[in-house]
Amino acid sequence: MNITEEAEYFIELPAKQNKLYVNYDIEENISIDAIRVTRFTESEIKAIDERYWPFAVPVEEEAEG
């Protein structure tokens, strides 16, 4: 990661089965899906709703595991 680049995160929500992710749909509305697509910065997550921040998973960590 470049020093000038912000870290990116997926928002991973708990679910009874599998995992759910917060994404933007094609019209840039928030959607909850079983696949992870949208990468967010910390400021983007907190702009949506600060309560999502505890569910942020670094993109690198998710790619490894």
PDB file of N, CA and C in Angstrom:
ATOM      1  N   MET A   1       0.847  -1.179   0.000  1.00  0.00           N
ATOM      2  CA  MET A   1       0.000   0.000   0.000  1.00  0.00           C
ATOM      3  C   MET A   1       0.888   1.236   0.000  1.00  0.00           C
ATOM      4  N   ASN A   2       0.604   2.137  -0.875  1.00  0.00           N
ATOM      5  CA  ASN A   2       1.323   3.397  -0.977  1.00  0.00           C
ATOM      6  C   ASN A   2       0.990   4.262   0.233  1.00  0.00           C
ATOM      7  N   ILE A   3       1.939   5.085   0.677  1.00  0.00           N
ATOM      8  CA  ILE A   3       1.731   5.939   1.843  1.00  0.00           C
ATOM      9  C   ILE A   3       0.541   6.874   1.642  1.00  0.00           C
ATOM     10  N   THR A   4       0.325   7.339   0.425  1.00  0.00           N
ATOM     11  CA  THR A   4      -0.765   8.277   0.161  1.00  0.00           C
ATOM     12  C   THR A   4      -2.115   7.583   0.006  1.00  0.00           C
ATOM     13  N   GLU A   5      -2.136   6.281  -0.138  1.00  0.00           N
ATOM     14  CA  GLU A   5      -3.390   5.543  -0.293  1.00  0.00           C
ATOM     15  C   GLU A   5      -4.011   5.261   1.067  1.00  0.00           C
ATOM     16  N   GLU A   6      -5.322   5.408   1.137  1.00  0.00           N
ATOM     17  CA  GLU A   6      -6.034   5.038   2.353  1.00  0.00           C
ATOM     18  C   GLU A   6      -6.273   3.535   2.349  1.00  0.00           C
ATOM     19  N   ALA A   7      -6.284   2.957   3.532  1.00  0.00           N
ATOM     20  CA  ALA A   7      -6.604   1.537   3.648  1.00  0.00           C
ATOM     21  C   ALA A   7      -8.045   1.318   3.200  1.00  0.00           C
ATOM     22  N   GLU A   8      -8.293   0.144   2.635  1.00  0.00           N
ATOM     23  CA  GLU A   8      -9.634  -0.195   2.171  1.00  0.00           C
ATOM     24  C   GLU A   8     -10.189  -1.349   2.992  1.00  0.00           C
ATOM     25  N   TYR A   9     -11.507  -1.341   3.136  1.00  0.00           N
ATOM     26  CA  TYR A   9     -12.192  -2.317   3.971  1.00  0.00           C
ATOM     27  C   TYR A   9     -13.446  -2.832   3.276  1.00  0.00           C
ATOM     28  N   PHE A  10     -13.814  -4.061   3.618  1.00  0.00           N
ATOM     29  CA  PHE A  10     -15.140  -4.571   3.330  1.00  0.00           C
ATOM     30  C   PHE A  10     -15.921  -4.412   4.625  1.00  0.00           C
ATOM     31  N   ILE A  11     -17.221  -4.257   4.538  1.00  0.00           N
ATOM     32  CA  ILE A  11     -18.064  -4.231   5.734  1.00  0.00           C
ATOM     33  C   ILE A  11     -18.743  -5.591   5.808  1.00  0.00           C
ATOM     34  N   GLU A  12     -18.323  -6.384   6.793  1.00  0.00           N
ATOM     35  CA  GLU A  12     -18.792  -7.763   6.941  1.00  0.00           C
ATOM     36  C   GLU A  12     -19.752  -7.843   8.124  1.00  0.00           C
ATOM     37  N   LEU A  13     -20.999  -8.177   7.851  1.00  0.00           N
ATOM     38  CA  LEU A  13     -22.019  -8.234   8.893  1.00  0.00           C
ATOM     39  C   LEU A  13     -22.239  -9.666   9.359  1.00  0.00           C
ATOM     40  N   PRO A  14     -22.520  -9.844  10.648  1.00  0.00           N
ATOM     41  CA  PRO A  14     -22.796 -11.195  11.140  1.00  0.00           C
ATOM     42  C   PRO A  14     -24.135 -11.692  10.607  1.00  0.00           C
ATOM     43  N   ALA A  15     -24.202 -12.987  10.378  1.00  0.00           N
ATOM     44  CA  ALA A  15     -25.436 -13.622   9.905  1.00  0.00           C
ATOM     45  C   ALA A  15     -25.480 -15.044  10.445  1.00  0.00           C
ATOM     46  N   LYS A  16     -26.645 -15.636  10.466  1.00  0.00           N
ATOM     47  CA  LYS A  16     -26.780 -17.010  10.964  1.00  0.00           C
ATOM     48  C   LYS A  16     -25.991 -17.991  10.114  1.00  0.00           C
ATOM     49  N   GLN A  17     -26.033 -17.806   8.807  1.00  0.00           N
ATOM     50  CA  GLN A  17     -25.279 -18.655   7.889  1.00  0.00           C
ATOM     51  C   GLN A  17     -24.450 -17.757   6.989  1.00  0.00           C
ATOM     52  N   ASN A  18     -23.251 -18.189   6.693  1.00  0.00           N
ATOM     53  CA  ASN A  18     -22.344 -17.434   5.825  1.00  0.00           C
ATOM     54  C   ASN A  18     -22.089 -16.042   6.389  1.00  0.00           C
ATOM     55  N   LYS A  19     -21.790 -15.099   5.518  1.00  0.00           N
ATOM     56  CA  LYS A  19     -21.529 -13.718   5.907  1.00  0.00           C
ATOM     57  C   LYS A  19     -22.299 -12.815   4.957  1.00  0.00           C
ATOM     58  N   LEU A  20     -22.613 -11.621   5.422  1.00  0.00           N
ATOM     59  CA  LEU A  20     -23.261 -10.630   4.576  1.00  0.00           C
ATOM     60  C   LEU A  20     -22.362  -9.409   4.483  1.00  0.00           C
ATOM     61  N   TYR A  21     -22.412  -8.734   3.354  1.00  0.00           N
ATOM     62  CA  TYR A  21     -21.550  -7.585   3.113  1.00  0.00           C
ATOM     63  C   TYR A  21     -22.365  -6.380   2.674  1.00  0.00           C
ATOM     64  N   VAL A  22     -21.937  -5.211   3.118  1.00  0.00           N
ATOM     65  CA  VAL A  22     -22.538  -3.959   2.669  1.00  0.00           C
ATOM     66  C   VAL A  22     -21.868  -3.585   1.357  1.00  0.00           C
ATOM     67  N   ASN A  23     -22.665  -3.259   0.365  1.00  0.00           N
ATOM     68  CA  ASN A  23     -22.174  -2.865  -0.957  1.00  0.00           C
ATOM     69  C   ASN A  23     -22.970  -1.676  -1.461  1.00  0.00           C
ATOM     70  N   TYR A  24     -22.468  -1.061  -2.511  1.00  0.00           N
ATOM     71  CA  TYR A  24     -23.254  -0.096  -3.275  1.00  0.00           C
ATOM     72  C   TYR A  24     -23.798  -0.833  -4.484  1.00  0.00           C
ATOM     73  N   ASP A  25     -25.083  -0.637  -4.794  1.00  0.00           N
ATOM     74  CA  ASP A  25     -25.625  -1.223  -6.014  1.00  0.00           C
ATOM     75  C   ASP A  25     -25.321  -0.305  -7.197  1.00  0.00           C
ATOM     76  N   ILE A  26     -25.814  -0.650  -8.355  1.00  0.00           N
ATOM     77  CA  ILE A  26     -25.493   0.096  -9.573  1.00  0.00           C
ATOM     78  C   ILE A  26     -25.963   1.557  -9.509  1.00  0.00           C
ATOM     79  N   GLU A  27     -26.987   1.832  -8.708  1.00  0.00           N
ATOM     80  CA  GLU A  27     -27.492   3.199  -8.555  1.00  0.00           C
ATOM     81  C   GLU A  27     -26.889   3.897  -7.342  1.00  0.00           C
ATOM     82  N   GLU A  28     -25.848   3.295  -6.777  1.00  0.00           N
ATOM     83  CA  GLU A  28     -25.123   3.798  -5.617  1.00  0.00           C
ATOM     84  C   GLU A  28     -25.979   3.876  -4.359  1.00  0.00           C
ATOM     85  N   ASN A  29     -26.926   2.960  -4.247  1.00  0.00           N
ATOM     86  CA  ASN A  29     -27.688   2.781  -3.016  1.00  0.00           C
ATOM     87  C   ASN A  29     -27.009   1.686  -2.209  1.00  0.00           C
ATOM     88  N   ILE A  30     -27.152   1.733  -0.905  1.00  0.00           N
ATOM     89  CA  ILE A  30     -26.580   0.695  -0.057  1.00  0.00           C
ATOM     90  C   ILE A  30     -27.393  -0.587  -0.217  1.00  0.00           C
ATOM     91  N   SER A  31     -26.692  -1.704  -0.350  1.00  0.00           N
ATOM     92  CA  SER A  31     -27.354  -3.005  -0.407  1.00  0.00           C
ATOM     93  C   SER A  31     -26.595  -3.978   0.484  1.00  0.00           C
ATOM     94  N   ILE A  32     -27.282  -4.991   0.955  1.00  0.00           N
ATOM     95  CA  ILE A  32     -26.684  -6.045   1.777  1.00  0.00           C
ATOM     96  C   ILE A  32     -26.728  -7.318   0.945  1.00  0.00           C
ATOM     97  N   ASP A  33     -25.552  -7.916   0.705  1.00  0.00           N
ATOM     98  CA  ASP A  33     -25.452  -9.062  -0.191  1.00  0.00           C
ATOM     99  C   ASP A  33     -24.558 -10.138   0.410  1.00  0.00           C
ATOM    100  N   ALA A  34     -24.652 -11.332  -0.147  1.00  0.00           N
ATOM    101  CA  ALA A  34     -23.814 -12.449   0.281  1.00  0.00           C
ATOM    102  C   ALA A  34     -22.427 -12.401  -0.354  1.00  0.00           C
ATOM    103  N   ILE A  35     -22.207 -11.494  -1.282  1.00  0.00           N
ATOM    104  CA  ILE A  35     -20.886 -11.355  -1.902  1.00  0.00           C
ATOM    105  C   ILE A  35     -20.292  -9.999  -1.539  1.00  0.00           C
ATOM    106  N   ARG A  36     -18.985  -9.950  -1.480  1.00  0.00           N
ATOM    107  CA  ARG A  36     -18.327  -8.673  -1.184  1.00  0.00           C
ATOM    108  C   ARG A  36     -17.852  -8.073  -2.496  1.00  0.00           C
ATOM    109  N   VAL A  37     -18.187  -6.828  -2.701  1.00  0.00           N
ATOM    110  CA  VAL A  37     -17.838  -6.153  -3.938  1.00  0.00           C
ATOM    111  C   VAL A  37     -17.189  -4.807  -3.645  1.00  0.00           C
ATOM    112  N   THR A  38     -17.878  -3.995  -2.852  1.00  0.00           N
ATOM    113  CA  THR A  38     -17.469  -2.613  -2.642  1.00  0.00           C
ATOM    114  C   THR A  38     -16.393  -2.508  -1.575  1.00  0.00           C
ATOM    115  N   ARG A  39     -15.334  -1.811  -1.922  1.00  0.00           N
ATOM    116  CA  ARG A  39     -14.268  -1.505  -0.970  1.00  0.00           C
ATOM    117  C   ARG A  39     -14.488  -0.081  -0.479  1.00  0.00           C
ATOM    118  N   PHE A  40     -14.423   0.098   0.833  1.00  0.00           N
ATOM    119  CA  PHE A  40     -14.657   1.394   1.451  1.00  0.00           C
ATOM    120  C   PHE A  40     -13.414   1.852   2.198  1.00  0.00           C
ATOM    121  N   THR A  41     -13.232   3.163   2.310  1.00  0.00           N
ATOM    122  CA  THR A  41     -12.225   3.713   3.211  1.00  0.00           C
ATOM    123  C   THR A  41     -12.898   3.920   4.565  1.00  0.00           C
ATOM    124  N   GLU A  42     -12.103   4.168   5.587  1.00  0.00           N
ATOM    125  CA  GLU A  42     -12.670   4.412   6.915  1.00  0.00           C
ATOM    126  C   GLU A  42     -13.639   5.591   6.883  1.00  0.00           C
ATOM    127  N   SER A  43     -13.264   6.661   6.221  1.00  0.00           N
ATOM    128  CA  SER A  43     -14.136   7.842   6.182  1.00  0.00           C
ATOM    129  C   SER A  43     -15.438   7.558   5.435  1.00  0.00           C
ATOM    130  N   GLU A  44     -15.386   6.735   4.391  1.00  0.00           N
ATOM    131  CA  GLU A  44     -16.611   6.376   3.664  1.00  0.00           C
ATOM    132  C   GLU A  44     -17.548   5.551   4.543  1.00  0.00           C
ATOM    133  N   ILE A  45     -16.977   4.622   5.295  1.00  0.00           N
ATOM    134  CA  ILE A  45     -17.792   3.793   6.188  1.00  0.00           C
ATOM    135  C   ILE A  45     -18.466   4.665   7.237  1.00  0.00           C
ATOM    136  N   LYS A  46     -17.693   5.531   7.861  1.00  0.00           N
ATOM    137  CA  LYS A  46     -18.245   6.381   8.916  1.00  0.00           C
ATOM    138  C   LYS A  46     -19.240   7.394   8.367  1.00  0.00           C
ATOM    139  N   ALA A  47     -19.104   7.779   7.105  1.00  0.00           N
ATOM    140  CA  ALA A  47     -20.071   8.696   6.489  1.00  0.00           C
ATOM    141  C   ALA A  47     -21.416   8.004   6.268  1.00  0.00           C
ATOM    142  N   ILE A  48     -21.387   6.694   6.009  1.00  0.00           N
ATOM    143  CA  ILE A  48     -22.636   5.935   5.863  1.00  0.00           C
ATOM    144  C   ILE A  48     -23.303   5.830   7.228  1.00  0.00           C
ATOM    145  N   ASP A  49     -22.556   5.307   8.194  1.00  0.00           N
ATOM    146  CA  ASP A  49     -23.053   5.160   9.565  1.00  0.00           C
ATOM    147  C   ASP A  49     -21.886   4.654  10.406  1.00  0.00           C
ATOM    148  N   GLU A  50     -21.511   5.395  11.424  1.00  0.00           N
ATOM    149  CA  GLU A  50     -20.358   5.015  12.247  1.00  0.00           C
ATOM    150  C   GLU A  50     -20.524   3.650  12.905  1.00  0.00           C
ATOM    151  N   ARG A  51     -21.751   3.189  13.037  1.00  0.00           N
ATOM    152  CA  ARG A  51     -21.976   1.873  13.664  1.00  0.00           C
ATOM    153  C   ARG A  51     -21.467   0.723  12.803  1.00  0.00           C
ATOM    154  N   TYR A  52     -21.186   0.983  11.530  1.00  0.00           N
ATOM    155  CA  TYR A  52     -20.612  -0.050  10.660  1.00  0.00           C
ATOM    156  C   TYR A  52     -19.111  -0.252  10.913  1.00  0.00           C
ATOM    157  N   TRP A  53     -18.451   0.726  11.504  1.00  0.00           N
ATOM    158  CA  TRP A  53     -16.993   0.662  11.643  1.00  0.00           C
ATOM    159  C   TRP A  53     -16.510  -0.603  12.365  1.00  0.00           C
ATOM    160  N   PRO A  54     -17.164  -1.074  13.440  1.00  0.00           N
ATOM    161  CA  PRO A  54     -16.688  -2.306  14.089  1.00  0.00           C
ATOM    162  C   PRO A  54     -16.720  -3.537  13.181  1.00  0.00           C
ATOM    163  N   PHE A  55     -17.456  -3.469  12.084  1.00  0.00           N
ATOM    164  CA  PHE A  55     -17.576  -4.602  11.167  1.00  0.00           C
ATOM    165  C   PHE A  55     -16.644  -4.488   9.964  1.00  0.00           C
ATOM    166  N   ALA A  56     -15.785  -3.476   9.974  1.00  0.00           N
ATOM    167  CA  ALA A  56     -14.847  -3.277   8.866  1.00  0.00           C
ATOM    168  C   ALA A  56     -13.739  -4.332   8.923  1.00  0.00           C
ATOM    169  N   VAL A  57     -13.484  -4.950   7.788  1.00  0.00           N
ATOM    170  CA  VAL A  57     -12.434  -5.964   7.659  1.00  0.00           C
ATOM    171  C   VAL A  57     -11.454  -5.466   6.606  1.00  0.00           C
ATOM    172  N   PRO A  58     -10.177  -5.318   6.963  1.00  0.00           N
ATOM    173  CA  PRO A  58      -9.214  -4.851   5.957  1.00  0.00           C
ATOM    174  C   PRO A  58      -9.214  -5.754   4.727  1.00  0.00           C
ATOM    175  N   VAL A  59      -9.130  -5.160   3.569  1.00  0.00           N
ATOM    176  CA  VAL A  59      -9.147  -5.917   2.313  1.00  0.00           C
ATOM    177  C   VAL A  59      -8.020  -6.938   2.295  1.00  0.00           C
ATOM    178  N   GLU A  60      -6.837  -6.589   2.751  1.00  0.00           N
ATOM    179  CA  GLU A  60      -5.700  -7.516   2.740  1.00  0.00           C
ATOM    180  C   GLU A  60      -5.972  -8.720   3.620  1.00  0.00           C
ATOM    181  N   GLU A  61      -6.542  -8.493   4.810  1.00  0.00           N
ATOM    182  CA  GLU A  61      -6.836  -9.580   5.743  1.00  0.00           C
ATOM    183  C   GLU A  61      -7.863 -10.533   5.144  1.00  0.00           C
ATOM    184  N   GLU A  62      -8.875 -10.006   4.524  1.00  0.00           N
ATOM    185  CA  GLU A  62      -9.923 -10.825   3.916  1.00  0.00           C
ATOM    186  C   GLU A  62      -9.356 -11.636   2.759  1.00  0.00           C
ATOM    187  N   ALA A  63      -8.440 -11.061   1.984  1.00  0.00           N
ATOM    188  CA  ALA A  63      -7.848 -11.757   0.845  1.00  0.00           C
ATOM    189  C   ALA A  63      -7.003 -12.944   1.311  1.00  0.00           C
ATOM    190  N   GLU A  64      -6.345 -12.791   2.469  1.00  0.00           N
ATOM    191  CA  GLU A  64      -5.491 -13.856   2.994  1.00  0.00           C
ATOM    192  C   GLU A  64      -6.314 -14.998   3.578  1.00  0.00           C
ATOM    193  N   GLY A  65      -7.402 -14.654   4.262  1.00  0.00           N
ATOM    194  CA  GLY A  65      -8.139 -15.671   4.990  1.00  0.00           C
ATOM    195  C   GLY A  65      -9.375 -16.052   4.301  1.00  0.00           C
TER     196      GLY A  65
END
